[in-house]
PDB file of all heavy atoms in Angstrom:
ATOM      1  N   HIS A   1     235.667 248.779  39.589  1.00  0.00           N
ATOM      2  CA  HIS A   1     235.543 247.387  39.172  1.00  0.00           C
ATOM      3  C   HIS A   1     234.155 247.158  38.582  1.00  0.00           C
ATOM      4  O   HIS A   1     233.361 246.412  39.120  1.00  0.00           O
ATOM      5  CB  HIS A   1     235.775 246.437  40.345  1.00  0.00           C
ATOM      6  CG  HIS A   1     237.174 246.496  40.872  1.00  0.00           C
ATOM      7  ND1 HIS A   1     238.224 245.834  40.277  1.00  0.00           N
ATOM      8  CD2 HIS A   1     237.696 247.145  41.918  1.00  0.00           C
ATOM      9  CE1 HIS A   1     239.332 246.083  40.954  1.00  0.00           C
ATOM     10  NE2 HIS A   1     239.044 246.876  41.955  1.00  0.00           N
ATOM     11  N   ASP A   2     233.880 247.844  37.489  1.00  0.00           N
ATOM     12  CA  ASP A   2     232.565 247.736  36.865  1.00  0.00           C
ATOM     13  C   ASP A   2     232.602 246.584  35.876  1.00  0.00           C
ATOM     14  O   ASP A   2     233.224 246.675  34.829  1.00  0.00           O
ATOM     15  CB  ASP A   2     232.203 249.044  36.167  1.00  0.00           C
ATOM     16  CG  ASP A   2     230.833 248.979  35.508  1.00  0.00           C
ATOM     17  OD1 ASP A   2     230.071 248.049  35.806  1.00  0.00           O
ATOM     18  OD2 ASP A   2     230.540 249.854  34.694  1.00  0.00           O
ATOM     19  N   HIS A   3     231.951 245.478  36.225  1.00  0.00           N
ATOM     20  CA  HIS A   3     231.953 244.320  35.351  1.00  0.00           C
ATOM     21  C   HIS A   3     230.702 244.263  34.488  1.00  0.00           C
ATOM     22  O   HIS A   3     230.482 243.319  33.769  1.00  0.00           O
ATOM     23  CB  HIS A   3     232.066 243.032  36.172  1.00  0.00           C
ATOM     24  CG  HIS A   3     233.329 242.973  36.981  1.00  0.00           C
ATOM     25  ND1 HIS A   3     234.577 242.863  36.409  1.00  0.00           N
ATOM     26  CD2 HIS A   3     233.530 243.030  38.312  1.00  0.00           C
ATOM     27  CE1 HIS A   3     235.498 242.847  37.376  1.00  0.00           C
ATOM     28  NE2 HIS A   3     234.895 242.954  38.528  1.00  0.00           N
ATOM     29  N   GLY A   4     229.850 245.282  34.608  1.00  0.00           N
ATOM     30  CA  GLY A   4     228.627 245.317  33.818  1.00  0.00           C
ATOM     31  C   GLY A   4     228.912 245.810  32.409  1.00  0.00           C
ATOM     32  O   GLY A   4     230.068 245.894  31.982  1.00  0.00           O
ATOM     33  N   PRO A   5     227.859 246.138  31.672  1.00  0.00           N
ATOM     34  CA  PRO A   5     228.035 246.637  30.305  1.00  0.00           C
ATOM     35  C   PRO A   5     228.850 247.923  30.326  1.00  0.00           C
ATOM     36  O   PRO A   5     228.741 248.717  31.257  1.00  0.00           O
ATOM     37  CB  PRO A   5     226.605 246.907  29.834  1.00  0.00           C
ATOM     38  CG  PRO A   5     225.715 246.200  30.792  1.00  0.00           C
ATOM     39  CD  PRO A   5     226.472 246.104  32.084  1.00  0.00           C
ATOM     40  N   ARG A   6     229.684 248.094  29.320  1.00  0.00           N
ATOM     41  CA  ARG A   6     230.494 249.306  29.261  1.00  0.00           C
ATOM     42  C   ARG A   6     229.618 250.523  28.981  1.00  0.00           C
ATOM     43  O   ARG A   6     228.800 250.518  28.075  1.00  0.00           O
ATOM     44  CB  ARG A   6     231.544 249.174  28.161  1.00  0.00           C
ATOM     45  CG  ARG A   6     232.763 248.425  28.633  1.00  0.00           C
ATOM     46  CD  ARG A   6     233.985 248.824  27.826  1.00  0.00           C
ATOM     47  NE  ARG A   6     233.802 248.563  26.402  1.00  0.00           N
ATOM     48  CZ  ARG A   6     233.961 247.366  25.853  1.00  0.00           C
ATOM     49  NH1 ARG A   6     234.267 246.334  26.587  1.00  0.00           N
ATOM     50  NH2 ARG A   6     233.794 247.219  24.564  1.00  0.00           N
ATOM     51  N   LEU A   7     229.825 251.562  29.773  1.00  0.00           N
ATOM     52  CA  LEU A   7     229.113 252.809  29.560  1.00  0.00           C
ATOM     53  C   LEU A   7     229.801 253.601  28.457  1.00  0.00           C
ATOM     54  O   LEU A   7     231.023 253.655  28.384  1.00  0.00           O
ATOM     55  CB  LEU A   7     229.097 253.646  30.845  1.00  0.00           C
ATOM     56  CG  LEU A   7     228.308 253.070  32.005  1.00  0.00           C
ATOM     57  CD1 LEU A   7     228.481 253.938  33.243  1.00  0.00           C
ATOM     58  CD2 LEU A   7     226.834 252.971  31.657  1.00  0.00           C
ATOM     59  N   ARG A   8     228.990 254.192  27.605  1.00  0.00           N
ATOM     60  CA  ARG A   8     229.480 255.122  26.601  1.00  0.00           C
ATOM     61  C   ARG A   8     228.876 256.481  26.897  1.00  0.00           C
ATOM     62  O   ARG A   8     227.875 256.583  27.580  1.00  0.00           O
ATOM     63  CB  ARG A   8     228.997 254.709  25.205  1.00  0.00           C
ATOM     64  CG  ARG A   8     229.588 253.427  24.679  1.00  0.00           C
ATOM     65  CD  ARG A   8     228.975 253.139  23.324  1.00  0.00           C
ATOM     66  NE  ARG A   8     228.846 254.378  22.583  1.00  0.00           N
ATOM     67  CZ  ARG A   8     229.550 254.731  21.497  1.00  0.00           C
ATOM     68  NH1 ARG A   8     230.271 254.024  20.994  1.00  0.00           N
ATOM     69  NH2 ARG A   8     229.467 255.857  20.899  1.00  0.00           N
ATOM     70  N   THR A   9     229.469 257.507  26.343  1.00  0.00           N
ATOM     71  CA  THR A   9     228.839 258.825  26.368  1.00  0.00           C
ATOM     72  C   THR A   9     228.179 259.027  25.011  1.00  0.00           C
ATOM     73  O   THR A   9     228.856 259.123  23.984  1.00  0.00           O
ATOM     74  CB  THR A   9     229.873 259.930  26.630  1.00  0.00           C
ATOM     75  OG1 THR A   9     230.487 259.695  27.896  1.00  0.00           O
ATOM     76  CG2 THR A   9     229.187 261.296  26.663  1.00  0.00           C
ATOM     77  N   TRP A  10     226.866 259.030  25.019  1.00  0.00           N
ATOM     78  CA  TRP A  10     226.090 259.175  23.781  1.00  0.00           C
ATOM     79  C   TRP A  10     225.769 260.645  23.580  1.00  0.00           C
ATOM     80  O   TRP A  10     225.294 261.313  24.493  1.00  0.00           O
ATOM     81  CB  TRP A  10     224.797 258.365  23.887  1.00  0.00           C
ATOM     82  CG  TRP A  10     225.048 256.911  24.106  1.00  0.00           C
ATOM     83  CD1 TRP A  10     225.361 256.307  25.292  1.00  0.00           C
ATOM     84  CD2 TRP A  10     225.016 255.881  23.130  1.00  0.00           C
ATOM     85  NE1 TRP A  10     225.536 254.965  25.098  1.00  0.00           N
ATOM     86  CE2 TRP A  10     225.323 254.668  23.775  1.00  0.00           C
ATOM     87  CE3 TRP A  10     224.756 255.868  21.753  1.00  0.00           C
ATOM     88  CZ2 TRP A  10     225.381 253.451  23.100  1.00  0.00           C
ATOM     89  CZ3 TRP A  10     224.804 254.653  21.093  1.00  0.00           C
ATOM     90  CH2 TRP A  10     225.116 253.467  21.762  1.00  0.00           C
ATOM     91  N   LYS A  11     226.024 261.139  22.374  1.00  0.00           N
ATOM     92  CA  LYS A  11     225.742 262.538  22.068  1.00  0.00           C
ATOM     93  C   LYS A  11     224.717 262.599  20.935  1.00  0.00           C
ATOM     94  O   LYS A  11     224.725 261.759  20.043  1.00  0.00           O
ATOM     95  CB  LYS A  11     227.013 263.261  21.632  1.00  0.00           C
ATOM     96  CG  LYS A  11     228.094 263.318  22.713  1.00  0.00           C
ATOM     97  CD  LYS A  11     229.300 264.068  22.180  1.00  0.00           C
ATOM     98  CE  LYS A  11     230.341 264.324  23.259  1.00  0.00           C
ATOM     99  NZ  LYS A  11     231.058 263.110  23.691  1.00  0.00           N
ATOM    100  N   ASP A  12     223.876 263.629  20.995  1.00  0.00           N
ATOM    101  CA  ASP A  12     222.934 263.782  19.887  1.00  0.00           C
ATOM    102  C   ASP A  12     223.573 264.638  18.799  1.00  0.00           C
ATOM    103  O   ASP A  12     224.630 265.245  18.987  1.00  0.00           O
ATOM    104  CB  ASP A  12     221.612 264.391  20.365  1.00  0.00           C
ATOM    105  CG  ASP A  12     221.739 265.879  20.645  1.00  0.00           C
ATOM    106  OD1 ASP A  12     222.788 266.283  21.206  1.00  0.00           O
ATOM    107  OD2 ASP A  12     220.818 266.633  20.324  1.00  0.00           O
ATOM    108  N   ASN A  13     222.927 264.673  17.651  1.00  0.00           N
ATOM    109  CA  ASN A  13     223.538 265.302  16.485  1.00  0.00           C
ATOM    110  C   ASN A  13     223.469 266.825  16.523  1.00  0.00           C
ATOM    111  O   ASN A  13     224.003 267.492  15.651  1.00  0.00           O
ATOM    112  CB  ASN A  13     222.905 264.771  15.181  1.00  0.00           C
ATOM    113  CG  ASN A  13     221.396 264.933  15.161  1.00  0.00           C
ATOM    114  OD1 ASN A  13     220.819 265.603  16.014  1.00  0.00           O
ATOM    115  ND2 ASN A  13     220.750 264.319  14.193  1.00  0.00           N
ATOM    116  N   GLU A  14     222.796 267.399  17.531  1.00  0.00           N
ATOM    117  CA  GLU A  14     222.741 268.853  17.656  1.00  0.00           C
ATOM    118  C   GLU A  14     223.501 269.338  18.887  1.00  0.00           C
ATOM    119  O   GLU A  14     223.483 270.530  19.194  1.00  0.00           O
ATOM    120  CB  GLU A  14     221.284 269.322  17.734  1.00  0.00           C
ATOM    121  CG  GLU A  14     220.494 269.022  16.472  1.00  0.00           C
ATOM    122  CD  GLU A  14     219.013 269.309  16.659  1.00  0.00           C
ATOM    123  OE1 GLU A  14     218.669 270.108  17.550  1.00  0.00           O
ATOM    124  OE2 GLU A  14     218.203 268.723  15.924  1.00  0.00           O
ATOM    125  N   GLY A  15     224.128 268.427  19.606  1.00  0.00           N
ATOM    126  CA  GLY A  15     224.883 268.822  20.782  1.00  0.00           C
ATOM    127  C   GLY A  15     224.017 269.248  21.958  1.00  0.00           C
ATOM    128  O   GLY A  15     224.472 269.977  22.831  1.00  0.00           O
ATOM    129  N   LEU A  16     222.771 268.793  21.984  1.00  0.00           N
ATOM    130  CA  LEU A  16     221.850 269.213  23.038  1.00  0.00           C
ATOM    131  C   LEU A  16     221.969 268.347  24.289  1.00  0.00           C
ATOM    132  O   LEU A  16     221.700 268.804  25.386  1.00  0.00           O
ATOM    133  CB  LEU A  16     220.404 269.170  22.542  1.00  0.00           C
ATOM    134  CG  LEU A  16     220.083 270.135  21.399  1.00  0.00           C
ATOM    135  CD1 LEU A  16     218.640 269.959  20.956  1.00  0.00           C
ATOM    136  CD2 LEU A  16     220.330 271.569  21.826  1.00  0.00           C
ATOM    137  N   PHE A  17     222.345 267.085  24.121  1.00  0.00           N
ATOM    138  CA  PHE A  17     222.433 266.236  25.303  1.00  0.00           C
ATOM    139  C   PHE A  17     223.583 265.256  25.204  1.00  0.00           C
ATOM    140  O   PHE A  17     224.074 264.961  24.115  1.00  0.00           O
ATOM    141  CB  PHE A  17     221.115 265.475  25.552  1.00  0.00           C
ATOM    142  CG  PHE A  17     220.757 264.479  24.480  1.00  0.00           C
ATOM    143  CD1 PHE A  17     221.389 263.241  24.401  1.00  0.00           C
ATOM    144  CD2 PHE A  17     219.766 264.762  23.554  1.00  0.00           C
ATOM    145  CE1 PHE A  17     221.042 262.328  23.431  1.00  0.00           C
ATOM    146  CE2 PHE A  17     219.432 263.849  22.566  1.00  0.00           C
ATOM    147  CZ  PHE A  17     220.067 262.637  22.513  1.00  0.00           C
ATOM    148  N   GLU A  18     224.018 264.819  26.363  1.00  0.00           N
ATOM    149  CA  GLU A  18     224.955 263.712  26.463  1.00  0.00           C
ATOM    150  C   GLU A  18     224.360 262.747  27.471  1.00  0.00           C
ATOM    151  O   GLU A  18     223.893 263.162  28.526  1.00  0.00           O
ATOM    152  CB  GLU A  18     226.317 264.176  26.985  1.00  0.00           C
ATOM    153  CG  GLU A  18     227.145 264.898  25.968  1.00  0.00           C
ATOM    154  CD  GLU A  18     228.554 265.162  26.488  1.00  0.00           C
ATOM    155  OE1 GLU A  18     228.920 264.619  27.546  1.00  0.00           O
ATOM    156  OE2 GLU A  18     229.276 265.922  25.830  1.00  0.00           O
ATOM    157  N   ILE A  19     224.351 261.473  27.128  1.00  0.00           N
ATOM    158  CA  ILE A  19     223.824 260.453  28.026  1.00  0.00           C
ATOM    159  C   ILE A  19     224.938 259.457  28.305  1.00  0.00           C
ATOM    160  O   ILE A  19     225.506 258.886  27.379  1.00  0.00           O
ATOM    161  CB  ILE A  19     222.621 259.721  27.407  1.00  0.00           C
ATOM    162  CG1 ILE A  19     221.464 260.693  27.162  1.00  0.00           C
ATOM    163  CG2 ILE A  19     222.175 258.563  28.311  1.00  0.00           C
ATOM    164  CD1 ILE A  19     220.308 260.074  26.382  1.00  0.00           C
ATOM    165  N   GLN A  20     225.244 259.279  29.583  1.00  0.00           N
ATOM    166  CA  GLN A  20     226.160 258.214  29.970  1.00  0.00           C
ATOM    167  C   GLN A  20     225.328 256.951  30.110  1.00  0.00           C
ATOM    168  O   GLN A  20     224.439 256.887  30.959  1.00  0.00           O
ATOM    169  CB  GLN A  20     226.813 258.545  31.319  1.00  0.00           C
ATOM    170  CG  GLN A  20     227.973 259.499  31.222  1.00  0.00           C
ATOM    171  CD  GLN A  20     229.271 258.784  30.873  1.00  0.00           C
ATOM    172  OE1 GLN A  20     229.512 257.685  31.316  1.00  0.00           O
ATOM    173  NE2 GLN A  20     230.092 259.429  30.072  1.00  0.00           N
ATOM    174  N   GLY A  21     225.592 255.978  29.277  1.00  0.00           N
ATOM    175  CA  GLY A  21     224.792 254.775  29.369  1.00  0.00           C
ATOM    176  C   GLY A  21     225.355 253.661  28.518  1.00  0.00           C
ATOM    177  O   GLY A  21     226.262 253.864  27.719  1.00  0.00           O
ATOM    178  N   SER A  22     224.782 252.477  28.724  1.00  0.00           N
ATOM    179  CA  SER A  22     225.187 251.329  27.927  1.00  0.00           C
ATOM    180  C   SER A  22     224.065 250.979  26.966  1.00  0.00           C
ATOM    181  O   SER A  22     222.883 251.176  27.259  1.00  0.00           O
ATOM    182  CB  SER A  22     225.498 250.132  28.833  1.00  0.00           C
ATOM    183  OG  SER A  22     224.399 249.837  29.676  1.00  0.00           O
ATOM    184  N   PHE A  23     224.452 250.468  25.811  1.00  0.00           N
ATOM    185  CA  PHE A  23     223.486 250.106  24.782  1.00  0.00           C
ATOM    186  C   PHE A  23     222.694 248.881  25.220  1.00  0.00           C
ATOM    187  O   PHE A  23     223.265 247.896  25.696  1.00  0.00           O
ATOM    188  CB  PHE A  23     224.246 249.808  23.485  1.00  0.00           C
ATOM    189  CG  PHE A  23     223.371 249.296  22.376  1.00  0.00           C
ATOM    190  CD1 PHE A  23     222.579 250.173  21.652  1.00  0.00           C
ATOM    191  CD2 PHE A  23     223.347 247.956  22.062  1.00  0.00           C
ATOM    192  CE1 PHE A  23     221.775 249.704  20.619  1.00  0.00           C
ATOM    193  CE2 PHE A  23     222.546 247.481  21.029  1.00  0.00           C
ATOM    194  CZ  PHE A  23     221.762 248.364  20.315  1.00  0.00           C
ATOM    195  N   VAL A  24     221.368 248.952  25.102  1.00  0.00           N
ATOM    196  CA  VAL A  24     220.521 247.813  25.435  1.00  0.00           C
ATOM    197  C   VAL A  24     220.044 247.133  24.161  1.00  0.00           C
ATOM    198  O   VAL A  24     220.296 245.957  23.924  1.00  0.00           O
ATOM    199  CB  VAL A  24     219.314 248.238  26.300  1.00  0.00           C
ATOM    200  CG1 VAL A  24     218.443 247.041  26.644  1.00  0.00           C
ATOM    201  CG2 VAL A  24     219.794 248.935  27.573  1.00  0.00           C
ATOM    202  N   GLN A  25     219.339 247.872  23.325  1.00  0.00           N
ATOM    203  CA  GLN A  25     218.783 247.282  22.110  1.00  0.00           C
ATOM    204  C   GLN A  25     218.397 248.391  21.151  1.00  0.00           C
ATOM    205  O   GLN A  25     218.323 249.559  21.529  1.00  0.00           O
ATOM    206  CB  GLN A  25     217.551 246.444  22.447  1.00  0.00           C
ATOM    207  CG  GLN A  25     216.424 247.274  23.054  1.00  0.00           C
ATOM    208  CD  GLN A  25     215.158 246.467  23.314  1.00  0.00           C
ATOM    209  OE1 GLN A  25     214.841 245.547  22.574  1.00  0.00           O
ATOM    210  NE2 GLN A  25     214.434 246.829  24.373  1.00  0.00           N
ATOM    211  N   MET A  26     218.152 247.992  19.898  1.00  0.00           N
ATOM    212  CA  MET A  26     217.594 248.915  18.923  1.00  0.00           C
ATOM    213  C   MET A  26     216.314 248.316  18.384  1.00  0.00           C
ATOM    214  O   MET A  26     216.248 247.122  18.092  1.00  0.00           O
ATOM    215  CB  MET A  26     218.569 249.167  17.768  1.00  0.00           C
ATOM    216  CG  MET A  26     218.044 250.221  16.791  1.00  0.00           C
ATOM    217  SD  MET A  26     219.253 250.688  15.521  1.00  0.00           S
ATOM    218  CE  MET A  26     219.063 249.330  14.382  1.00  0.00           C
ATOM    219  N   ARG A  27     215.272 249.123  18.304  1.00  0.00           N
ATOM    220  CA  ARG A  27     213.992 248.662  17.768  1.00  0.00           C
ATOM    221  C   ARG A  27     213.284 249.845  17.118  1.00  0.00           C
ATOM    222  O   ARG A  27     213.228 250.927  17.685  1.00  0.00           O
ATOM    223  CB  ARG A  27     213.128 248.109  18.919  1.00  0.00           C
ATOM    224  CG  ARG A  27     211.847 247.428  18.442  1.00  0.00           C
ATOM    225  CD  ARG A  27     210.874 247.206  19.585  1.00  0.00           C
ATOM    226  NE  ARG A  27     211.473 246.394  20.636  1.00  0.00           N
ATOM    227  CZ  ARG A  27     211.084 246.435  21.906  1.00  0.00           C
ATOM    228  NH1 ARG A  27     210.146 247.266  22.293  1.00  0.00           N
ATOM    229  NH2 ARG A  27     211.651 245.657  22.807  1.00  0.00           N
ATOM    230  N   ASP A  28     212.750 249.616  15.937  1.00  0.00           N
ATOM    231  CA  ASP A  28     211.986 250.654  15.226  1.00  0.00           C
ATOM    232  C   ASP A  28     212.778 251.960  15.116  1.00  0.00           C
ATOM    233  O   ASP A  28     212.244 253.037  15.356  1.00  0.00           O
ATOM    234  CB  ASP A  28     210.649 250.909  15.944  1.00  0.00           C
ATOM    235  CG  ASP A  28     209.788 249.663  15.996  1.00  0.00           C
ATOM    236  OD1 ASP A  28     209.878 248.847  15.059  1.00  0.00           O
ATOM    237  OD2 ASP A  28     209.035 249.499  16.972  1.00  0.00           O
ATOM    238  N   HIS A  29     214.055 251.837  14.779  1.00  0.00           N
ATOM    239  CA  HIS A  29     214.909 253.013  14.593  1.00  0.00           C
ATOM    240  C   HIS A  29     215.037 253.842  15.867  1.00  0.00           C
ATOM    241  O   HIS A  29     215.269 255.044  15.809  1.00  0.00           O
ATOM    242  CB  HIS A  29     214.402 253.894  13.434  1.00  0.00           C
ATOM    243  CG  HIS A  29     214.364 253.153  12.138  1.00  0.00           C
ATOM    244  ND1 HIS A  29     215.504 252.817  11.434  1.00  0.00           N
ATOM    245  CD2 HIS A  29     213.318 252.659  11.424  1.00  0.00           C
ATOM    246  CE1 HIS A  29     215.158 252.156  10.333  1.00  0.00           C
ATOM    247  NE2 HIS A  29     213.845 252.048  10.310  1.00  0.00           N
ATOM    248  N   LYS A  30     214.853 253.200  17.014  1.00  0.00           N
ATOM    249  CA  LYS A  30     215.125 253.854  18.288  1.00  0.00           C
ATOM    250  C   LYS A  30     216.124 253.000  19.061  1.00  0.00           C
ATOM    251  O   LYS A  30     216.144 251.785  18.938  1.00  0.00           O
ATOM    252  CB  LYS A  30     213.842 254.029  19.116  1.00  0.00           C
ATOM    253  CG  LYS A  30     212.880 255.033  18.526  1.00  0.00           C
ATOM    254  CD  LYS A  30     211.788 255.419  19.508  1.00  0.00           C
ATOM    255  CE  LYS A  30     210.808 254.287  19.769  1.00  0.00           C
ATOM    256  NZ  LYS A  30     209.906 254.053  18.630  1.00  0.00           N
ATOM    257  N   VAL A  31     216.943 253.672  19.849  1.00  0.00           N
ATOM    258  CA  VAL A  31     217.974 252.994  20.631  1.00  0.00           C
ATOM    259  C   VAL A  31     217.605 253.095  22.100  1.00  0.00           C
ATOM    260  O   VAL A  31     217.272 254.181  22.593  1.00  0.00           O
ATOM    261  CB  VAL A  31     219.355 253.644  20.383  1.00  0.00           C
ATOM    262  CG1 VAL A  31     220.415 253.011  21.263  1.00  0.00           C
ATOM    263  CG2 VAL A  31     219.742 253.519  18.920  1.00  0.00           C
ATOM    264  N   GLN A  32     217.637 251.955  22.795  1.00  0.00           N
ATOM    265  CA  GLN A  32     217.389 251.971  24.235  1.00  0.00           C
ATOM    266  C   GLN A  32     218.724 251.943  24.956  1.00  0.00           C
ATOM    267  O   GLN A  32     219.578 251.093  24.689  1.00  0.00           O
ATOM    268  CB  GLN A  32     216.545 250.772  24.667  1.00  0.00           C
ATOM    269  CG  GLN A  32     216.141 250.863  26.129  1.00  0.00           C
ATOM    270  CD  GLN A  32     215.300 249.672  26.580  1.00  0.00           C
ATOM    271  OE1 GLN A  32     215.429 248.578  26.051  1.00  0.00           O
ATOM    272  NE2 GLN A  32     214.455 249.898  27.558  1.00  0.00           N
ATOM    273  N   LEU A  33     218.909 252.913  25.854  1.00  0.00           N
ATOM    274  CA  LEU A  33     220.138 253.015  26.634  1.00  0.00           C
ATOM    275  C   LEU A  33     219.804 252.820  28.100  1.00  0.00           C
ATOM    276  O   LEU A  33     218.748 253.244  28.563  1.00  0.00           O
ATOM    277  CB  LEU A  33     220.771 254.407  26.440  1.00  0.00           C
ATOM    278  CG  LEU A  33     221.066 254.826  25.005  1.00  0.00           C
ATOM    279  CD1 LEU A  33     221.604 256.252  24.975  1.00  0.00           C
ATOM    280  CD2 LEU A  33     222.033 253.862  24.349  1.00  0.00           C
ATOM    281  N   CYS A  34     220.719 252.170  28.813  1.00  0.00           N
ATOM    282  CA  CYS A  34     220.574 252.010  30.255  1.00  0.00           C
ATOM    283  C   CYS A  34     221.582 252.929  30.918  1.00  0.00           C
ATOM    284  O   CYS A  34     222.792 252.764  30.755  1.00  0.00           O
ATOM    285  CB  CYS A  34     220.821 250.559  30.671  1.00  0.00           C
ATOM    286  SG  CYS A  34     220.630 250.293  32.443  1.00  0.00           S
ATOM    287  N   LYS A  35     221.066 253.923  31.654  1.00  0.00           N
ATOM    288  CA  LYS A  35     221.945 254.902  32.261  1.00  0.00           C
ATOM    289  C   LYS A  35     222.594 254.320  33.516  1.00  0.00           C
ATOM    290  O   LYS A  35     222.199 253.268  34.017  1.00  0.00           O
ATOM    291  CB  LYS A  35     221.159 256.172  32.597  1.00  0.00           C
ATOM    292  CG  LYS A  35     220.549 256.802  31.345  1.00  0.00           C
ATOM    293  CD  LYS A  35     220.234 258.263  31.538  1.00  0.00           C
ATOM    294  CE  LYS A  35     218.940 258.448  32.313  1.00  0.00           C
ATOM    295  NZ  LYS A  35     218.505 259.864  32.301  1.00  0.00           N
ATOM    296  N   SER A  36     223.597 255.030  34.026  1.00  0.00           N
ATOM    297  CA  SER A  36     224.376 254.504  35.146  1.00  0.00           C
ATOM    298  C   SER A  36     223.529 254.331  36.407  1.00  0.00           C
ATOM    299  O   SER A  36     223.877 253.543  37.279  1.00  0.00           O
ATOM    300  CB  SER A  36     225.569 255.421  35.435  1.00  0.00           C
ATOM    301  OG  SER A  36     225.148 256.764  35.551  1.00  0.00           O
ATOM    302  N   ASP A  37     222.410 255.060  36.498  1.00  0.00           N
ATOM    303  CA  ASP A  37     221.543 254.897  37.680  1.00  0.00           C
ATOM    304  C   ASP A  37     220.529 253.777  37.490  1.00  0.00           C
ATOM    305  O   ASP A  37     219.665 253.562  38.337  1.00  0.00           O
ATOM    306  CB  ASP A  37     220.831 256.203  38.015  1.00  0.00           C
ATOM    307  CG  ASP A  37     219.923 256.692  36.894  1.00  0.00           C
ATOM    308  OD1 ASP A  37     219.792 255.982  35.873  1.00  0.00           O
ATOM    309  OD2 ASP A  37     219.344 257.775  37.041  1.00  0.00           O
ATOM    310  N   GLY A  38     220.619 253.059  36.357  1.00  0.00           N
ATOM    311  CA  GLY A  38     219.745 251.922  36.140  1.00  0.00           C
ATOM    312  C   GLY A  38     218.476 252.224  35.369  1.00  0.00           C
ATOM    313  O   GLY A  38     217.752 251.310  35.012  1.00  0.00           O
TER     314      GLY A  38
END
């Protein structure tokens, strides 16, 4: 029953990492993600 922001699985363009997190904001061509642990 997760009523918070929907988590996505974010992948990088080289397949080096996957981040489970929700989108927070974008600034200066960077994306801030909030991971499931906060």
